[in-house]
């Protein structure tokens, strides 16, 4: 295959992007340091920085101190070069955040949604986005891109949300078009668990791994599948909807989409934890969201030596490993990241039990780790996804 020689413009753009990526990774750097890291000569590094400063992509942030000789100017990526937004949607609320192009969160907003279903999803998204933009001292017209994470997935062939019947107001056949018309910036959509995997791949436990599975347990059980460094979404966006998976130990659930549940969900989902606890004679809260109750029970059990508490952890670990055995038998990943509030509450004691059980139930032996991004991982992944695309666009100096 013939190779097209790089033009001076293309080569300059490649050097520009390399320098910008180094500034994002290391923070403020001097001209000499940038030259050393990129292999560029001092005159070329100077021209590069002048070009990027003129384009509004870098700014001088100060001077280096503490070394003999004159102080050197320090350069950093200009935070105001672009802003992005991410939204994490659940039936109870929408979390929205705005980040500058360096990834720093500039403003956040939480919009409770119970009782607002009559307003529709578009109104809710607009209000949540307005709130986050105002918290950042911006308007929505300042945003370069928006990524929305929801349960389920938008089917690319129909544009309709599937696998999330519990998300009222989000199933209109015109929803995507209506959102695009109402928002000033380009927007993308993804499954919430997929975005949690993006966060772990960029910032957390899956950095450096091209093949991994993220198993999520919060309001529901789901999985994200990364193969060759890329998310696998499936024909209808439903890859990873493992809560519907039939598993031993539970009655066979039929019409799973209507029931919004399945065998794996019934065996090891948040609603199963208080049921198991009651069967073991452990006192459980009288009411509350399933995920919060389950997390509280598992967090207490993880720090307890009581035999019943340890049996609760073992039951939950066996349930998680039972479903996970089918997943790893098909995918044979190098790593499994355990994430979501329910699993995080059990921490290392739960992870160790799941790892041991999985070794008994499956031939593949992937390494299991607890997710490192535990503070709003879906929202974090949405911002990281928006930043990746935006940086490719804004940092392209070849145009």
Protein backbone atom coordinates (compact mmCIF):
# COMPACT_ATOMS: atom_id res chain seq x y z
CA UNK A 1 0.00 0.00 0.00
CA UNK A 2 1.39 3.39 -1.00
CA UNK A 3 2.01 5.83 1.83
CA UNK A 4 1.17 9.49 1.29
CA UNK A 5 4.03 11.69 2.53
CA UNK A 6 3.07 14.08 5.32
CA UNK A 7 2.72 17.67 4.24
CA UNK A 8 4.29 20.40 6.39
CA UNK A 9 0.81 21.38 7.56
CA UNK A 10 -0.02 17.83 8.63
CA UNK A 11 3.32 17.41 10.38
CA UNK A 12 2.84 20.70 12.23
CA UNK A 13 -0.64 19.59 13.30
CA UNK A 14 0.76 16.30 14.60
CA UNK A 15 3.38 18.14 16.64
CA UNK A 16 0.76 20.58 17.91
CA UNK A 17 -1.47 17.73 19.09
CA UNK A 18 1.44 15.94 20.73
CA UNK A 19 2.32 19.09 22.67
CA UNK A 20 -1.28 19.69 23.72
CA UNK A 21 -1.62 16.10 24.93
CA UNK A 22 1.58 16.49 26.97
CA UNK A 23 0.24 19.65 28.56
CA UNK A 24 -2.99 17.86 29.46
CA UNK A 25 -1.03 15.00 30.99
CA UNK A 26 1.68 16.92 32.83
CA UNK A 27 0.20 20.35 33.46
CA UNK A 28 2.19 23.56 32.82
CA UNK A 29 5.50 22.98 31.00
CA UNK A 30 8.32 25.20 29.82
CA UNK A 31 9.35 25.49 26.17
CA UNK A 32 12.51 23.51 26.93
CA UNK A 33 10.56 20.73 28.63
CA UNK A 34 8.09 20.50 25.74
CA UNK A 35 11.01 20.33 23.33
CA UNK A 36 12.62 17.53 25.33
CA UNK A 37 9.41 15.52 25.58
CA UNK A 38 8.52 15.88 21.90
CA UNK A 39 12.05 15.71 20.49
CA UNK A 40 11.61 19.08 18.78
CA UNK A 41 14.38 21.65 18.57
CA UNK A 42 14.11 24.83 20.63
CA UNK A 43 13.26 27.02 17.60
CA UNK A 44 10.60 24.55 16.44
CA UNK A 45 9.13 24.29 19.96
CA UNK A 46 9.03 28.08 20.16
CA UNK A 47 7.21 28.33 16.82
CA UNK A 48 4.77 25.62 17.95
CA UNK A 49 3.92 27.42 21.19
CA UNK A 50 3.55 30.75 19.43
CA UNK A 51 1.17 29.12 16.97
CA UNK A 52 -0.90 27.49 19.71
CA UNK A 53 -0.99 30.69 21.77
CA UNK A 54 -2.16 32.67 18.74
CA UNK A 55 -4.90 30.07 18.16
CA UNK A 56 -6.10 30.46 21.76
CA UNK A 57 -5.20 26.87 22.65
CA UNK A 58 -2.44 27.56 25.17
CA UNK A 59 -1.78 30.34 27.66
CA UNK A 60 1.22 31.44 29.70
CA UNK A 61 0.52 30.57 33.32
CA UNK A 62 3.65 31.83 35.04
CA UNK A 63 7.36 31.16 35.23
CA UNK A 64 9.49 28.35 36.61
CA UNK A 65 11.32 29.13 39.82
CA UNK A 66 14.02 27.59 41.95
CA UNK A 67 16.58 26.96 39.20
CA UNK A 68 19.76 28.93 38.39
CA UNK A 69 19.47 31.35 35.49
CA UNK A 70 16.49 33.28 34.14
CA UNK A 71 13.04 31.94 34.83
CA UNK A 72 11.30 30.18 31.94
CA UNK A 73 7.71 30.82 30.95
CA UNK A 74 5.30 27.99 31.65
CA UNK A 75 2.58 27.10 29.16
CA UNK A 76 -0.72 25.30 29.78
CA UNK A 77 -3.78 24.35 27.77
CA UNK A 78 -6.24 27.24 27.74
CA UNK A 79 -9.20 25.99 29.82
CA UNK A 80 -11.58 28.32 27.97
CA UNK A 81 -10.73 26.83 24.55
CA UNK A 82 -13.94 24.77 24.79
CA UNK A 83 -16.52 23.53 27.28
CA UNK A 84 -18.49 20.28 27.29
CA UNK A 85 -21.39 18.89 29.31
CA UNK A 86 -22.41 15.48 30.56
CA UNK A 87 -25.78 14.27 31.87
CA UNK A 88 -26.55 11.20 33.97
CA UNK A 89 -30.26 10.36 33.77
CA UNK A 90 -32.17 8.10 36.17
CA UNK A 91 -35.91 7.87 36.96
CA UNK A 92 -35.37 10.02 40.07
CA UNK A 93 -33.04 12.78 38.90
CA UNK A 94 -30.76 14.20 36.24
CA UNK A 95 -27.18 15.07 37.19
CA UNK A 96 -25.52 17.58 34.86
CA UNK A 97 -21.95 18.87 34.84
CA UNK A 98 -19.91 21.21 32.66
CA UNK A 99 -16.16 20.76 32.23
CA UNK A 100 -13.55 22.87 30.49
CA UNK A 101 -11.31 21.30 27.87
CA UNK A 102 -8.70 20.33 30.49
CA UNK A 103 -11.32 18.13 32.18
CA UNK A 104 -11.82 20.35 35.22
CA UNK A 105 -15.44 20.44 36.36
CA UNK A 106 -16.63 24.04 36.14
CA UNK A 107 -20.20 23.61 37.39
CA UNK A 108 -22.76 20.98 38.34
CA UNK A 109 -26.50 20.81 38.91
CA UNK A 110 -28.96 18.17 40.11
CA UNK A 111 -32.56 18.22 38.88
CA UNK A 112 -35.01 16.01 40.81
CA UNK A 113 -37.50 14.59 38.31
CA UNK A 114 -40.30 12.88 40.28
CA UNK A 115 -43.50 14.79 39.55
CA UNK A 116 -42.00 16.41 36.44
CA UNK A 117 -42.77 13.64 33.96
CA UNK A 118 -45.59 15.67 32.43
CA UNK A 119 -43.03 18.25 31.31
CA UNK A 120 -41.29 15.66 29.17
CA UNK A 121 -37.67 14.64 28.80
CA UNK A 122 -36.72 17.60 26.61
CA UNK A 123 -37.76 20.17 29.21
CA UNK A 124 -35.96 18.26 31.94
CA UNK A 125 -32.71 18.04 29.94
CA UNK A 126 -32.84 21.73 29.03
CA UNK A 127 -33.42 22.73 32.66
CA UNK A 128 -30.63 20.49 33.98
CA UNK A 129 -28.21 21.76 31.36
CA UNK A 130 -29.14 25.38 32.06
CA UNK A 131 -28.49 24.80 35.76
CA UNK A 132 -25.03 23.31 35.18
CA UNK A 133 -24.06 26.03 32.71
CA UNK A 134 -25.12 28.77 35.12
CA UNK A 135 -23.15 27.10 37.92
CA UNK A 136 -20.11 27.29 35.63
CA UNK A 137 -20.71 30.96 34.84
CA UNK A 138 -21.68 30.11 31.25
CA UNK A 139 -24.70 29.73 29.03
CA UNK A 140 -25.61 26.65 27.04
CA UNK A 141 -24.47 28.40 23.85
CA UNK A 142 -20.91 28.23 25.24
CA UNK A 143 -20.95 24.43 25.16
CA UNK A 144 -19.16 22.56 22.39
CA UNK A 145 -20.73 19.13 22.93
CA UNK A 146 -23.11 17.24 25.21
CA UNK A 147 -23.21 13.53 26.10
CA UNK A 148 -26.27 12.03 27.79
CA UNK A 149 -26.17 8.72 29.68
CA UNK A 150 -29.40 6.81 30.35
CA UNK A 151 -30.40 3.32 31.40
CA UNK A 152 -31.06 1.14 28.37
CA UNK A 153 -29.94 2.28 24.93
CA UNK A 154 -31.23 4.17 21.93
CA UNK A 155 -31.71 1.69 19.09
CA UNK A 156 -29.77 3.09 16.11
CA UNK A 157 -32.32 1.67 13.64
CA UNK A 158 -35.34 3.32 15.27
CA UNK A 159 -33.99 6.09 17.47
CA UNK A 160 -36.15 4.83 20.34
CA UNK A 161 -35.00 4.02 23.85
CA UNK A 162 -35.00 0.30 24.58
CA UNK A 163 -34.38 -1.80 27.69
CA UNK A 164 -35.48 0.99 30.06
CA UNK A 165 -39.25 0.85 30.52
CA UNK A 166 -38.76 2.35 34.01
CA UNK A 167 -37.63 5.72 32.59
CA UNK A 168 -40.89 7.63 32.02
CA UNK A 169 -41.05 10.27 29.32
CA UNK A 170 -38.05 8.99 27.37
CA UNK A 171 -39.76 6.69 24.87
CA UNK A 172 -41.11 9.12 22.28
CA UNK A 173 -40.16 8.14 18.71
CA UNK A 174 -39.21 11.79 18.06
CA UNK A 175 -37.22 12.33 21.27
CA UNK A 176 -33.77 12.45 19.69
CA UNK A 177 -34.87 14.94 17.04
CA UNK A 178 -36.68 17.03 19.66
CA UNK A 179 -33.59 17.15 21.87
CA UNK A 180 -31.34 18.05 18.95
CA UNK A 181 -33.69 20.92 18.04
CA UNK A 182 -33.85 22.22 21.61
CA UNK A 183 -30.13 22.16 22.42
CA UNK A 184 -27.48 24.49 20.97
CA UNK A 185 -24.63 21.97 20.88
CA UNK A 186 -24.13 18.61 19.14
CA UNK A 187 -25.18 15.78 21.41
CA UNK A 188 -24.53 12.07 21.74
CA UNK A 189 -26.21 9.35 23.79
CA UNK A 190 -24.93 6.22 25.46
CA UNK A 191 -25.91 3.60 27.97
CA UNK A 192 -25.08 4.59 31.53
CA UNK A 193 -23.00 1.49 32.22
CA UNK A 194 -21.03 2.02 29.00
CA UNK A 195 -20.15 5.49 30.23
CA UNK A 196 -19.03 4.11 33.59
CA UNK A 197 -16.68 1.87 31.60
CA UNK A 198 -15.38 4.92 29.69
CA UNK A 199 -14.56 6.55 33.02
CA UNK A 200 -12.68 3.46 34.22
CA UNK A 201 -10.84 3.13 30.88
CA UNK A 202 -9.73 6.76 30.83
CA UNK A 203 -9.16 7.46 34.50
CA UNK A 204 -9.63 4.34 36.60
CA UNK A 205 -9.03 0.64 37.06
CA UNK A 206 -9.11 -0.28 33.35
CA UNK A 207 -6.42 2.14 32.15
CA UNK A 208 -4.10 0.28 29.80
CA UNK A 209 -6.59 -2.55 29.18
CA UNK A 210 -8.10 -3.08 25.73
CA UNK A 211 -10.31 -6.04 26.66
CA UNK A 212 -12.40 -5.86 29.81
CA UNK A 213 -15.92 -6.16 31.18
CA UNK A 214 -17.44 -3.75 33.67
CA UNK A 215 -20.14 -5.38 35.81
CA UNK A 216 -22.47 -2.78 37.28
CA UNK A 217 -24.85 -3.25 40.20
CA UNK A 218 -26.87 -0.28 41.35
CA UNK A 219 -30.54 0.28 40.53
CA UNK A 220 -30.10 -2.62 38.11
CA UNK A 221 -27.46 -5.06 36.95
CA UNK A 222 -25.73 -4.35 33.66
CA UNK A 223 -22.41 -4.78 31.93
CA UNK A 224 -20.20 -2.86 29.53
CA UNK A 225 -18.05 -4.80 27.09
CA UNK A 226 -14.81 -3.37 25.73
CA UNK A 227 -13.09 -5.35 22.95
CA UNK A 228 -9.93 -4.12 21.29
CA UNK A 229 -10.23 -0.84 23.17
CA UNK A 230 -13.74 -0.11 21.82
CA UNK A 231 -17.15 -0.46 23.41
CA UNK A 232 -19.27 -3.23 21.93
CA UNK A 233 -22.87 -2.03 21.78
CA UNK A 234 -24.60 -4.67 19.65
CA UNK A 235 -27.13 -4.33 16.85
CA UNK A 236 -29.80 -2.56 18.91
CA UNK A 237 -27.55 -1.09 21.59
CA UNK A 238 -28.47 -3.92 23.95
CA UNK A 239 -25.08 -5.56 24.42
CA UNK A 240 -24.47 -5.79 28.15
CA UNK A 241 -28.10 -5.92 29.29
CA UNK A 242 -27.12 -8.90 31.43
CA UNK A 243 -29.74 -8.28 34.10
CA UNK A 244 -32.10 -10.14 31.75
CA UNK A 245 -29.77 -13.17 31.66
CA UNK A 246 -31.40 -16.45 32.77
CA UNK A 247 -29.30 -18.00 35.54
CA UNK A 248 -29.54 -21.06 37.79
CA UNK A 249 -31.25 -20.52 41.10
CA UNK A 250 -34.10 -18.31 39.92
CA UNK A 251 -37.44 -18.95 38.20
CA UNK A 252 -37.35 -18.42 34.45
CA UNK A 253 -38.49 -14.85 33.73
CA UNK A 254 -40.44 -14.44 30.51
CA UNK A 255 -41.26 -11.19 28.69
CA UNK A 256 -38.19 -9.69 30.35
CA UNK A 257 -38.50 -6.30 28.63
CA UNK A 258 -42.01 -5.82 30.02
CA UNK A 259 -41.00 -7.14 33.42
CA UNK A 260 -37.84 -4.99 33.30
CA UNK A 261 -36.07 -7.80 35.09
CA UNK A 262 -34.53 -11.20 34.53
CA UNK A 263 -32.83 -14.07 36.27
CA UNK A 264 -29.51 -12.36 37.05
CA UNK A 265 -31.30 -9.27 38.34
CA UNK A 266 -33.54 -11.37 40.58
CA UNK A 267 -30.60 -13.40 41.88
CA UNK A 268 -28.04 -10.69 42.61
CA UNK A 269 -29.64 -7.29 41.99
CA UNK A 270 -30.18 -4.66 44.65
CA UNK A 271 -33.66 -5.96 45.49
CA UNK A 272 -32.22 -9.42 46.28
CA UNK A 273 -29.87 -8.21 49.04
CA UNK A 274 -32.49 -7.20 51.65
CA UNK A 275 -34.46 -10.35 50.88
CA UNK A 276 -31.41 -12.52 51.57
CA UNK A 277 -30.66 -10.50 54.71
CA UNK A 278 -34.16 -11.06 56.08
CA UNK A 279 -33.90 -14.80 55.38
CA UNK A 280 -30.70 -14.84 57.43
CA UNK A 281 -32.36 -12.98 60.30
CA UNK A 282 -30.51 -9.71 59.71
CA UNK A 283 -32.47 -6.57 60.54
CA UNK A 284 -33.15 -4.51 57.42
CA UNK A 285 -34.55 -0.99 56.91
CA UNK A 286 -38.33 -0.96 56.59
CA UNK A 287 -38.25 1.09 53.40
CA UNK A 288 -36.02 3.01 51.03
CA UNK A 289 -34.61 2.67 47.51
CA UNK A 290 -33.36 -0.86 46.86
CA UNK A 291 -29.84 0.28 45.94
CA UNK A 292 -29.44 2.37 49.10
CA UNK A 293 -30.75 -0.39 51.37
CA UNK A 294 -28.55 -3.01 49.66
CA UNK A 295 -25.47 -0.80 49.86
CA UNK A 296 -26.02 -0.12 53.56
CA UNK A 297 -26.42 -3.83 54.32
CA UNK A 298 -23.30 -4.83 52.38
CA UNK A 299 -21.18 -2.02 53.78
CA UNK A 300 -22.07 -3.13 57.30
CA UNK A 301 -21.43 -6.79 56.47
CA UNK A 302 -18.05 -6.03 54.92
CA UNK A 303 -16.85 -4.56 58.21
CA UNK A 304 -18.41 -7.19 60.46
CA UNK A 305 -17.22 -10.54 61.79
CA UNK A 306 -20.74 -11.74 62.57
CA UNK A 307 -21.43 -15.13 60.96
CA UNK A 308 -24.76 -14.04 59.50
CA UNK A 309 -23.26 -10.91 58.00
CA UNK A 310 -20.50 -12.97 56.42
CA UNK A 311 -23.09 -15.39 55.07
CA UNK A 312 -24.89 -12.45 53.45
CA UNK A 313 -21.68 -11.45 51.68
CA UNK A 314 -21.18 -15.05 50.56
CA UNK A 315 -24.72 -15.33 49.16
CA UNK A 316 -24.37 -12.10 47.21
CA UNK A 317 -20.92 -13.10 45.93
CA UNK A 318 -22.24 -16.46 44.73
CA UNK A 319 -25.10 -14.73 42.91
CA UNK A 320 -22.78 -12.26 41.21
CA UNK A 321 -20.32 -15.00 40.24
CA UNK A 322 -23.14 -17.17 38.84
CA UNK A 323 -24.11 -14.56 36.27
CA UNK A 324 -20.54 -13.46 35.70
CA UNK A 325 -19.53 -17.04 34.85
CA UNK A 326 -21.71 -16.95 31.72
CA UNK A 327 -20.28 -13.58 30.69
CA UNK A 328 -16.63 -14.58 31.01
CA UNK A 329 -17.27 -17.94 29.34
CA UNK A 330 -18.35 -16.07 26.19
CA UNK A 331 -15.96 -13.12 26.27
CA UNK A 332 -12.86 -14.39 28.13
CA UNK A 333 -11.80 -10.85 29.16
CA UNK A 334 -8.45 -10.03 30.71
CA UNK A 335 -10.09 -7.91 33.41
CA UNK A 336 -13.47 -7.52 35.12
CA UNK A 337 -14.18 -4.21 36.83
CA UNK A 338 -16.86 -4.42 39.55
CA UNK A 339 -18.72 -1.12 39.83
CA UNK A 340 -21.92 0.51 41.02
CA UNK A 341 -22.97 1.50 44.54
CA UNK A 342 -24.09 -1.98 45.62
CA UNK A 343 -20.79 -3.68 44.73
CA UNK A 344 -18.66 -0.75 45.93
CA UNK A 345 -20.31 -1.01 49.35
CA UNK A 346 -19.09 -4.59 49.72
CA UNK A 347 -15.59 -3.49 48.80
CA UNK A 348 -12.61 -5.83 48.88
CA UNK A 349 -14.28 -8.49 51.09
CA UNK A 350 -17.03 -8.91 48.49
CA UNK A 351 -14.58 -8.80 45.57
CA UNK A 352 -12.44 -11.54 47.09
CA UNK A 353 -15.48 -13.78 47.54
CA UNK A 354 -16.67 -13.18 43.97
CA UNK A 355 -13.18 -13.93 42.64
CA UNK A 356 -13.06 -17.20 44.58
CA UNK A 357 -16.54 -18.24 43.49
CA UNK A 358 -15.86 -17.39 39.85
CA UNK A 359 -12.77 -19.59 39.92
CA UNK A 360 -15.07 -22.50 40.83
CA UNK A 361 -17.76 -21.70 38.25
CA UNK A 362 -15.88 -20.63 35.09
CA UNK A 363 -12.89 -21.89 33.13
CA UNK A 364 -11.50 -18.39 32.29
CA UNK A 365 -9.79 -16.70 35.23
CA UNK A 366 -9.92 -12.93 34.64
CA UNK A 367 -8.64 -10.61 37.32
CA UNK A 368 -11.40 -8.86 39.25
CA UNK A 369 -10.97 -5.33 40.61
CA UNK A 370 -13.23 -2.80 42.28
CA UNK A 371 -13.85 0.25 40.11
CA UNK A 372 -11.61 3.20 40.96
CA UNK A 373 -14.06 5.88 39.77
CA UNK A 374 -16.70 5.79 42.49
CA UNK A 375 -17.81 9.43 42.52
CA UNK A 376 -20.55 9.75 39.88
CA UNK A 377 -18.92 7.34 37.40
CA UNK A 378 -21.65 7.68 34.75
CA UNK A 379 -21.40 11.46 34.77
CA UNK A 380 -17.60 11.22 34.71
CA UNK A 381 -17.77 8.92 31.68
CA UNK A 382 -20.16 11.25 29.88
CA UNK A 383 -17.74 14.16 30.34
CA UNK A 384 -14.77 12.04 29.25
CA UNK A 385 -16.63 10.93 26.13
CA UNK A 386 -17.55 14.52 25.27
CA UNK A 387 -13.98 15.68 25.92
CA UNK A 388 -12.44 13.05 23.64
CA UNK A 389 -14.47 14.15 20.63
CA UNK A 390 -14.14 17.85 21.42
CA UNK A 391 -10.36 17.69 21.80
CA UNK A 392 -10.08 15.96 18.43
CA UNK A 393 -12.05 18.80 16.87
CA UNK A 394 -10.63 21.80 18.74
CA UNK A 395 -7.00 20.63 18.76
CA UNK A 396 -6.94 19.96 15.00
CA UNK A 397 -4.74 22.80 13.71
CA UNK A 398 -4.39 21.34 10.22
CA UNK A 399 -7.61 23.02 9.01
